[in-house]
Amino acid sequence: AFGDWTVDFSKLELRSDTGEYQDLTASEFKLLEVFVKNAKRVLTRDQLMDHLKGHNWSPLDRSIDNQIARLRRKIEQDSKNPRFIKTIRGAGYSFTADVTGNIA
């Protein structure tokens, strides 16, 4: 769990505290899983791309930025002023939420 959300990666379910489910694509779940498992750490774009696509990606590939923007729109109250996924200028991204529960 983090913020107002509870996530079950084995079932690919993301639920708000009010019980509403948020639809995420498989790649958005994978990105969220990488962030949750590495909460409070700065992850570079390269590290995120390696987790999501392995080593078969181009350094010019900006798809990670698009995926992060889509994920922010779904989990943040205000995606323009995110509280969970922060951009760290010149470094990458950090999932700043406090995460509780088992993360397998």
N, C-alpha and C. Protein backbone atom coordinates (compact mmCIF):
# COMPACT_ATOMS: atom_id res chain seq x y z
N ALA A 1 0.85 -1.18 0.00
CA ALA A 1 0.00 0.00 0.00
C ALA A 1 0.89 1.24 0.00
N PHE A 2 0.37 2.28 -0.60
CA PHE A 2 1.04 3.58 -0.57
C PHE A 2 -0.04 4.64 -0.74
N GLY A 3 0.13 5.76 -0.06
CA GLY A 3 -0.85 6.83 -0.16
C GLY A 3 -2.25 6.31 0.04
N ASP A 4 -3.14 6.60 -0.91
CA ASP A 4 -4.53 6.15 -0.86
C ASP A 4 -4.76 4.88 -1.68
N TRP A 5 -3.70 4.18 -2.01
CA TRP A 5 -3.78 3.04 -2.91
C TRP A 5 -3.31 1.74 -2.26
N THR A 6 -3.93 0.64 -2.69
CA THR A 6 -3.47 -0.70 -2.36
C THR A 6 -3.28 -1.42 -3.68
N VAL A 7 -2.13 -2.05 -3.82
CA VAL A 7 -1.81 -2.72 -5.08
C VAL A 7 -1.54 -4.20 -4.81
N ASP A 8 -2.04 -5.03 -5.69
CA ASP A 8 -1.78 -6.47 -5.65
C ASP A 8 -1.16 -6.83 -6.99
N PHE A 9 0.16 -6.99 -6.99
CA PHE A 9 0.86 -7.24 -8.25
C PHE A 9 0.56 -8.62 -8.81
N SER A 10 0.24 -9.60 -7.95
CA SER A 10 -0.07 -10.94 -8.46
C SER A 10 -1.39 -10.95 -9.22
N LYS A 11 -2.32 -10.08 -8.85
CA LYS A 11 -3.62 -9.99 -9.52
C LYS A 11 -3.71 -8.81 -10.49
N LEU A 12 -2.64 -8.00 -10.54
CA LEU A 12 -2.63 -6.79 -11.35
C LEU A 12 -3.84 -5.91 -11.02
N GLU A 13 -3.99 -5.65 -9.72
CA GLU A 13 -5.09 -4.81 -9.24
C GLU A 13 -4.55 -3.63 -8.45
N LEU A 14 -5.10 -2.47 -8.74
CA LEU A 14 -4.80 -1.25 -8.00
C LEU A 14 -6.13 -0.69 -7.54
N ARG A 15 -6.27 -0.56 -6.22
CA ARG A 15 -7.55 -0.14 -5.63
C ARG A 15 -7.32 1.05 -4.72
N SER A 16 -8.26 2.01 -4.79
CA SER A 16 -8.19 3.17 -3.90
C SER A 16 -8.76 2.80 -2.53
N ASP A 17 -8.53 3.67 -1.55
CA ASP A 17 -9.08 3.44 -0.22
C ASP A 17 -10.60 3.38 -0.21
N THR A 18 -11.24 3.98 -1.21
CA THR A 18 -12.69 3.94 -1.31
C THR A 18 -13.19 2.69 -2.01
N GLY A 19 -12.26 1.81 -2.44
CA GLY A 19 -12.62 0.54 -3.06
C GLY A 19 -12.73 0.58 -4.57
N GLU A 20 -12.46 1.73 -5.18
CA GLU A 20 -12.54 1.83 -6.64
C GLU A 20 -11.25 1.30 -7.26
N TYR A 21 -11.41 0.55 -8.35
CA TYR A 21 -10.26 0.01 -9.06
C TYR A 21 -9.80 0.98 -10.13
N GLN A 22 -8.48 1.06 -10.28
CA GLN A 22 -7.88 1.88 -11.33
C GLN A 22 -7.30 0.94 -12.38
N ASP A 23 -7.69 1.12 -13.62
CA ASP A 23 -7.16 0.29 -14.70
C ASP A 23 -5.75 0.75 -15.07
N LEU A 24 -4.83 -0.20 -15.05
CA LEU A 24 -3.47 0.03 -15.51
C LEU A 24 -3.13 -1.00 -16.56
N THR A 25 -2.31 -0.62 -17.51
CA THR A 25 -1.81 -1.59 -18.49
C THR A 25 -0.75 -2.46 -17.80
N ALA A 26 -0.40 -3.56 -18.46
CA ALA A 26 0.64 -4.44 -17.91
C ALA A 26 1.95 -3.69 -17.73
N SER A 27 2.30 -2.83 -18.69
CA SER A 27 3.57 -2.09 -18.56
C SER A 27 3.49 -1.05 -17.45
N GLU A 28 2.31 -0.47 -17.22
CA GLU A 28 2.16 0.47 -16.11
C GLU A 28 2.29 -0.24 -14.77
N PHE A 29 1.75 -1.47 -14.67
CA PHE A 29 1.93 -2.26 -13.45
C PHE A 29 3.39 -2.59 -13.22
N LYS A 30 4.09 -2.95 -14.29
CA LYS A 30 5.52 -3.26 -14.17
C LYS A 30 6.30 -2.03 -13.70
N LEU A 31 6.00 -0.89 -14.27
CA LEU A 31 6.66 0.36 -13.86
C LEU A 31 6.35 0.67 -12.41
N LEU A 32 5.09 0.53 -12.01
CA LEU A 32 4.71 0.78 -10.62
C LEU A 32 5.43 -0.19 -9.69
N GLU A 33 5.54 -1.44 -10.10
CA GLU A 33 6.24 -2.44 -9.29
C GLU A 33 7.72 -2.06 -9.09
N VAL A 34 8.37 -1.62 -10.16
CA VAL A 34 9.77 -1.19 -10.05
C VAL A 34 9.88 -0.03 -9.07
N PHE A 35 8.97 0.94 -9.17
CA PHE A 35 8.99 2.08 -8.26
C PHE A 35 8.75 1.65 -6.81
N VAL A 36 7.74 0.81 -6.60
CA VAL A 36 7.41 0.39 -5.22
C VAL A 36 8.56 -0.39 -4.60
N LYS A 37 9.16 -1.28 -5.37
CA LYS A 37 10.27 -2.08 -4.85
C LYS A 37 11.53 -1.25 -4.62
N ASN A 38 11.58 -0.06 -5.21
CA ASN A 38 12.75 0.81 -5.06
C ASN A 38 12.34 2.16 -4.49
N ALA A 39 11.33 2.15 -3.61
CA ALA A 39 10.84 3.39 -3.02
C ALA A 39 11.96 4.14 -2.32
N LYS A 40 11.90 5.45 -2.47
CA LYS A 40 12.84 6.39 -1.85
C LYS A 40 14.22 6.38 -2.50
N ARG A 41 14.39 5.64 -3.60
CA ARG A 41 15.66 5.62 -4.33
C ARG A 41 15.48 6.38 -5.64
N VAL A 42 16.52 7.01 -6.09
CA VAL A 42 16.51 7.66 -7.40
C VAL A 42 16.87 6.61 -8.44
N LEU A 43 16.01 6.48 -9.44
CA LEU A 43 16.25 5.55 -10.54
C LEU A 43 16.45 6.37 -11.82
N THR A 44 17.52 6.08 -12.53
CA THR A 44 17.77 6.78 -13.78
C THR A 44 16.82 6.25 -14.86
N ARG A 45 16.69 7.00 -15.93
CA ARG A 45 15.89 6.53 -17.06
C ARG A 45 16.45 5.20 -17.56
N ASP A 46 17.79 5.08 -17.62
CA ASP A 46 18.42 3.85 -18.08
C ASP A 46 18.04 2.66 -17.20
N GLN A 47 18.07 2.86 -15.89
CA GLN A 47 17.70 1.77 -14.97
C GLN A 47 16.24 1.36 -15.17
N LEU A 48 15.37 2.35 -15.31
CA LEU A 48 13.95 2.04 -15.53
C LEU A 48 13.75 1.28 -16.84
N MET A 49 14.41 1.73 -17.90
CA MET A 49 14.29 1.06 -19.19
C MET A 49 14.84 -0.37 -19.13
N ASP A 50 15.95 -0.56 -18.41
CA ASP A 50 16.49 -1.91 -18.26
C ASP A 50 15.49 -2.83 -17.56
N HIS A 51 14.82 -2.32 -16.53
CA HIS A 51 13.81 -3.12 -15.82
C HIS A 51 12.63 -3.45 -16.71
N LEU A 52 12.23 -2.50 -17.54
CA LEU A 52 11.03 -2.68 -18.34
C LEU A 52 11.27 -3.38 -19.67
N LYS A 53 12.39 -3.08 -20.31
CA LYS A 53 12.61 -3.60 -21.66
C LYS A 53 13.87 -4.44 -21.79
N GLY A 54 14.60 -4.62 -20.73
CA GLY A 54 15.86 -5.32 -20.85
C GLY A 54 16.87 -4.43 -21.55
N HIS A 55 17.78 -5.01 -22.25
CA HIS A 55 18.83 -4.22 -22.88
C HIS A 55 18.53 -3.91 -24.35
N ASN A 56 17.34 -4.25 -24.82
CA ASN A 56 16.98 -4.00 -26.22
C ASN A 56 16.22 -2.69 -26.35
N TRP A 57 16.87 -1.58 -26.06
CA TRP A 57 16.25 -0.28 -26.22
C TRP A 57 17.31 0.72 -26.61
N SER A 58 16.87 1.79 -27.22
CA SER A 58 17.77 2.83 -27.69
C SER A 58 17.89 3.93 -26.64
N PRO A 59 19.08 4.48 -26.43
CA PRO A 59 19.23 5.59 -25.49
C PRO A 59 18.38 6.81 -25.87
N LEU A 60 17.95 6.88 -27.11
CA LEU A 60 17.11 7.99 -27.56
C LEU A 60 15.62 7.71 -27.31
N ASP A 61 15.30 6.51 -26.84
CA ASP A 61 13.93 6.11 -26.58
C ASP A 61 13.38 6.91 -25.39
N ARG A 62 12.33 7.68 -25.63
CA ARG A 62 11.72 8.51 -24.58
C ARG A 62 10.41 7.90 -24.08
N SER A 63 10.15 6.65 -24.42
CA SER A 63 8.88 6.04 -24.03
C SER A 63 8.71 5.96 -22.52
N ILE A 64 9.80 5.87 -21.78
CA ILE A 64 9.68 5.81 -20.31
C ILE A 64 9.04 7.09 -19.78
N ASP A 65 9.37 8.21 -20.36
CA ASP A 65 8.78 9.48 -19.92
C ASP A 65 7.27 9.49 -20.16
N ASN A 66 6.85 8.93 -21.30
CA ASN A 66 5.42 8.85 -21.59
C ASN A 66 4.71 7.90 -20.63
N GLN A 67 5.34 6.77 -20.33
CA GLN A 67 4.74 5.81 -19.39
C GLN A 67 4.60 6.43 -18.00
N ILE A 68 5.61 7.16 -17.57
CA ILE A 68 5.55 7.81 -16.27
C ILE A 68 4.43 8.85 -16.25
N ALA A 69 4.30 9.61 -17.32
CA ALA A 69 3.23 10.61 -17.39
C ALA A 69 1.86 9.95 -17.31
N ARG A 70 1.68 8.83 -18.03
CA ARG A 70 0.39 8.11 -17.98
C ARG A 70 0.13 7.55 -16.59
N LEU A 71 1.15 6.98 -15.96
CA LEU A 71 0.99 6.44 -14.61
C LEU A 71 0.66 7.55 -13.61
N ARG A 72 1.33 8.68 -13.73
CA ARG A 72 1.03 9.82 -12.86
C ARG A 72 -0.43 10.25 -12.98
N ARG A 73 -0.93 10.31 -14.21
CA ARG A 73 -2.33 10.72 -14.41
C ARG A 73 -3.30 9.78 -13.71
N LYS A 74 -2.90 8.53 -13.55
CA LYS A 74 -3.78 7.54 -12.94
C LYS A 74 -3.68 7.44 -11.42
N ILE A 75 -2.50 7.73 -10.86
CA ILE A 75 -2.34 7.54 -9.41
C ILE A 75 -2.19 8.83 -8.62
N GLU A 76 -1.91 9.91 -9.27
CA GLU A 76 -1.70 11.19 -8.58
C GLU A 76 -2.99 12.00 -8.56
N GLN A 77 -3.23 12.71 -7.48
CA GLN A 77 -4.38 13.61 -7.44
C GLN A 77 -4.17 14.76 -8.43
N ASP A 78 -2.94 15.25 -8.52
CA ASP A 78 -2.59 16.32 -9.44
C ASP A 78 -1.31 15.89 -10.17
N SER A 79 -1.46 15.40 -11.38
CA SER A 79 -0.30 14.85 -12.11
C SER A 79 0.72 15.93 -12.46
N LYS A 80 0.33 17.19 -12.45
CA LYS A 80 1.27 18.29 -12.74
C LYS A 80 2.11 18.62 -11.50
N ASN A 81 1.63 18.22 -10.33
CA ASN A 81 2.33 18.44 -9.07
C ASN A 81 2.33 17.12 -8.30
N PRO A 82 3.08 16.12 -8.79
CA PRO A 82 3.01 14.77 -8.23
C PRO A 82 3.58 14.68 -6.82
N ARG A 83 2.97 13.82 -6.03
CA ARG A 83 3.50 13.57 -4.68
C ARG A 83 4.15 12.20 -4.56
N PHE A 84 3.88 11.29 -5.50
CA PHE A 84 4.45 9.95 -5.43
C PHE A 84 5.67 9.79 -6.34
N ILE A 85 5.55 10.14 -7.60
CA ILE A 85 6.64 9.97 -8.56
C ILE A 85 7.23 11.34 -8.85
N LYS A 86 8.38 11.59 -8.27
CA LYS A 86 9.05 12.88 -8.41
C LYS A 86 10.14 12.81 -9.47
N THR A 87 10.24 13.86 -10.25
CA THR A 87 11.35 14.01 -11.18
C THR A 87 12.52 14.60 -10.43
N ILE A 88 13.66 13.96 -10.53
CA ILE A 88 14.89 14.46 -9.92
C ILE A 88 15.75 14.97 -11.07
N ARG A 89 15.79 16.29 -11.20
CA ARG A 89 16.48 16.91 -12.34
C ARG A 89 17.92 16.41 -12.47
N GLY A 90 18.25 16.02 -13.69
CA GLY A 90 19.60 15.57 -13.99
C GLY A 90 19.91 14.17 -13.49
N ALA A 91 18.95 13.52 -12.82
CA ALA A 91 19.22 12.20 -12.26
C ALA A 91 18.22 11.14 -12.70
N GLY A 92 16.93 11.44 -12.62
CA GLY A 92 15.92 10.44 -12.98
C GLY A 92 14.62 10.67 -12.24
N TYR A 93 14.10 9.61 -11.65
CA TYR A 93 12.82 9.65 -10.96
C TYR A 93 12.94 8.96 -9.61
N SER A 94 12.09 9.38 -8.67
CA SER A 94 12.06 8.74 -7.36
C SER A 94 10.62 8.55 -6.93
N PHE A 95 10.32 7.35 -6.42
CA PHE A 95 9.00 7.07 -5.85
C PHE A 95 9.11 7.42 -4.38
N THR A 96 8.47 8.51 -3.98
CA THR A 96 8.69 9.08 -2.65
C THR A 96 7.67 8.62 -1.61
N ALA A 97 6.69 7.84 -2.02
CA ALA A 97 5.63 7.40 -1.08
C ALA A 97 6.19 6.43 -0.05
N ASP A 98 5.59 6.45 1.13
CA ASP A 98 5.87 5.43 2.12
C ASP A 98 5.10 4.18 1.70
N VAL A 99 5.81 3.06 1.58
CA VAL A 99 5.21 1.81 1.14
C VAL A 99 5.11 0.88 2.33
N THR A 100 3.91 0.28 2.50
CA THR A 100 3.70 -0.66 3.59
C THR A 100 3.24 -2.00 3.02
N GLY A 101 3.43 -3.06 3.79
CA GLY A 101 2.97 -4.38 3.37
C GLY A 101 4.07 -5.19 2.72
N ASN A 102 3.71 -6.39 2.30
CA ASN A 102 4.63 -7.31 1.66
C ASN A 102 4.83 -6.95 0.20
N ILE A 103 6.06 -6.93 -0.22
CA ILE A 103 6.39 -6.70 -1.62
C ILE A 103 7.21 -7.89 -2.07
N ALA A 104 6.56 -8.81 -2.76
CA ALA A 104 7.25 -10.03 -3.19
C ALA A 104 7.96 -9.83 -4.49
